[in-house]
Amino acid sequence: MASNGLQPLIVDRSSTSSASEEVSGELTSADYAMACESHRLVLVECLQKEGYSTIP
């Protein structure tokens, strides 16, 4: 059962990374910066939930 739970995660990661590689050529630097900032905010939220201090 554990491997079943992990498999979709691995597949999901590979599909998103290949998708971002395809799209990256069409993104402007502003789009890229906005995406990075939103991902960073999500990461900060996750770290705070886990009790880690975050880098400003």
N, C-alpha and C. Protein backbone atom coordinates (compact mmCIF):
# COMPACT_ATOMS: atom_id res chain seq x y z
N MET A 1 0.82 -1.21 0.00
CA MET A 1 0.00 0.00 0.00
C MET A 1 0.86 1.27 0.00
N ALA A 2 2.00 1.19 0.66
CA ALA A 2 2.86 2.38 0.74
C ALA A 2 3.37 2.77 -0.65
N SER A 3 3.79 1.77 -1.43
CA SER A 3 4.31 2.07 -2.77
C SER A 3 3.19 2.66 -3.66
N ASN A 4 1.96 2.20 -3.45
CA ASN A 4 0.84 2.76 -4.20
C ASN A 4 0.65 4.24 -3.91
N GLY A 5 0.83 4.63 -2.64
CA GLY A 5 0.68 6.03 -2.27
C GLY A 5 1.80 6.89 -2.83
N LEU A 6 3.00 6.31 -2.97
CA LEU A 6 4.14 7.09 -3.43
C LEU A 6 4.18 7.22 -4.95
N GLN A 7 3.68 6.23 -5.66
CA GLN A 7 3.80 6.22 -7.10
C GLN A 7 3.20 7.45 -7.79
N PRO A 8 1.96 7.84 -7.49
CA PRO A 8 1.38 9.00 -8.16
C PRO A 8 2.20 10.27 -7.93
N LEU A 9 2.81 10.38 -6.75
CA LEU A 9 3.61 11.55 -6.44
C LEU A 9 4.80 11.64 -7.38
N ILE A 10 5.46 10.51 -7.62
CA ILE A 10 6.62 10.49 -8.51
C ILE A 10 6.18 10.83 -9.94
N VAL A 11 5.07 10.22 -10.37
CA VAL A 11 4.56 10.48 -11.72
C VAL A 11 4.18 11.95 -11.86
N ASP A 12 3.55 12.50 -10.81
CA ASP A 12 3.12 13.89 -10.84
C ASP A 12 4.32 14.83 -10.97
N ARG A 13 5.37 14.54 -10.20
CA ARG A 13 6.56 15.39 -10.26
C ARG A 13 7.17 15.38 -11.66
N SER A 14 7.30 14.23 -12.27
CA SER A 14 7.94 14.14 -13.58
C SER A 14 7.09 14.86 -14.64
N SER A 15 5.75 14.76 -14.53
CA SER A 15 4.89 15.39 -15.52
C SER A 15 4.93 16.91 -15.37
N THR A 16 5.00 17.42 -14.13
CA THR A 16 5.04 18.87 -13.95
C THR A 16 6.39 19.43 -14.37
N SER A 17 7.48 18.71 -14.11
CA SER A 17 8.80 19.22 -14.49
C SER A 17 8.93 19.27 -16.01
N SER A 18 8.43 18.25 -16.71
CA SER A 18 8.53 18.25 -18.16
C SER A 18 7.61 19.33 -18.75
N ALA A 19 6.46 19.55 -18.13
CA ALA A 19 5.53 20.58 -18.60
C ALA A 19 6.15 21.96 -18.44
N SER A 20 6.80 22.20 -17.30
CA SER A 20 7.39 23.52 -17.06
C SER A 20 8.55 23.75 -18.02
N GLU A 21 9.27 22.69 -18.41
CA GLU A 21 10.35 22.84 -19.37
C GLU A 21 9.80 23.25 -20.73
N GLU A 22 8.68 22.66 -21.12
CA GLU A 22 8.09 23.01 -22.41
C GLU A 22 7.60 24.45 -22.43
N VAL A 23 6.98 24.88 -21.32
CA VAL A 23 6.33 26.19 -21.28
C VAL A 23 7.34 27.30 -21.00
N SER A 24 8.47 26.98 -20.38
CA SER A 24 9.40 28.00 -19.89
C SER A 24 9.82 28.97 -20.99
N GLY A 25 9.91 28.50 -22.23
CA GLY A 25 10.31 29.37 -23.32
C GLY A 25 9.30 30.48 -23.58
N GLU A 26 8.03 30.23 -23.27
CA GLU A 26 6.99 31.21 -23.56
C GLU A 26 6.75 32.17 -22.40
N LEU A 27 7.31 31.86 -21.23
CA LEU A 27 7.08 32.72 -20.07
C LEU A 27 7.99 33.93 -20.11
N THR A 28 7.45 35.08 -19.72
CA THR A 28 8.29 36.27 -19.57
C THR A 28 8.99 36.20 -18.22
N SER A 29 9.98 37.03 -18.02
CA SER A 29 10.68 37.03 -16.74
C SER A 29 9.74 37.42 -15.61
N ALA A 30 8.75 38.28 -15.90
CA ALA A 30 7.78 38.67 -14.87
C ALA A 30 6.91 37.48 -14.47
N ASP A 31 6.46 36.71 -15.46
CA ASP A 31 5.67 35.50 -15.16
C ASP A 31 6.48 34.54 -14.31
N TYR A 32 7.75 34.38 -14.68
CA TYR A 32 8.62 33.47 -13.97
C TYR A 32 8.82 33.94 -12.53
N ALA A 33 9.04 35.23 -12.35
CA ALA A 33 9.24 35.78 -11.01
C ALA A 33 7.98 35.60 -10.16
N MET A 34 6.81 35.82 -10.77
CA MET A 34 5.55 35.66 -10.03
C MET A 34 5.36 34.20 -9.61
N ALA A 35 5.65 33.28 -10.51
CA ALA A 35 5.51 31.85 -10.19
C ALA A 35 6.47 31.46 -9.07
N CYS A 36 7.70 31.94 -9.17
CA CYS A 36 8.69 31.61 -8.14
C CYS A 36 8.25 32.17 -6.79
N GLU A 37 7.74 33.38 -6.77
CA GLU A 37 7.32 34.01 -5.52
C GLU A 37 6.16 33.23 -4.90
N SER A 38 5.19 32.83 -5.72
CA SER A 38 4.05 32.09 -5.17
C SER A 38 4.50 30.73 -4.64
N HIS A 39 5.42 30.08 -5.34
CA HIS A 39 5.94 28.80 -4.85
C HIS A 39 6.71 29.00 -3.55
N ARG A 40 7.46 30.10 -3.45
CA ARG A 40 8.23 30.37 -2.25
C ARG A 40 7.29 30.60 -1.07
N LEU A 41 6.20 31.32 -1.30
CA LEU A 41 5.24 31.57 -0.22
C LEU A 41 4.61 30.27 0.26
N VAL A 42 4.30 29.37 -0.67
CA VAL A 42 3.74 28.07 -0.29
C VAL A 42 4.76 27.29 0.52
N LEU A 43 6.02 27.34 0.09
CA LEU A 43 7.07 26.62 0.81
C LEU A 43 7.24 27.18 2.21
N VAL A 44 7.21 28.51 2.33
CA VAL A 44 7.34 29.15 3.65
C VAL A 44 6.19 28.71 4.55
N GLU A 45 4.96 28.69 4.01
CA GLU A 45 3.81 28.24 4.81
C GLU A 45 4.01 26.82 5.30
N CYS A 46 4.47 25.94 4.43
CA CYS A 46 4.68 24.54 4.80
C CYS A 46 5.74 24.43 5.89
N LEU A 47 6.83 25.19 5.75
CA LEU A 47 7.90 25.13 6.73
C LEU A 47 7.40 25.65 8.08
N GLN A 48 6.61 26.72 8.06
CA GLN A 48 6.10 27.27 9.31
C GLN A 48 5.17 26.27 9.99
N LYS A 49 4.36 25.57 9.21
CA LYS A 49 3.47 24.55 9.79
C LYS A 49 4.29 23.45 10.46
N GLU A 50 5.45 23.13 9.88
CA GLU A 50 6.30 22.09 10.44
C GLU A 50 7.16 22.63 11.58
N GLY A 51 7.11 23.94 11.83
CA GLY A 51 7.83 24.50 12.97
C GLY A 51 9.24 24.97 12.65
N TYR A 52 9.58 25.05 11.37
CA TYR A 52 10.91 25.54 11.01
C TYR A 52 10.89 27.07 10.93
N SER A 53 11.99 27.70 11.30
CA SER A 53 12.11 29.13 11.05
C SER A 53 12.48 29.32 9.58
N THR A 54 12.02 30.41 8.98
CA THR A 54 12.22 30.59 7.55
C THR A 54 13.26 31.67 7.28
N ILE A 55 13.88 31.59 6.12
CA ILE A 55 14.83 32.61 5.69
C ILE A 55 14.05 33.73 5.03
N PRO A 56 14.22 34.96 5.46
CA PRO A 56 13.45 36.07 4.89
C PRO A 56 13.82 36.36 3.44
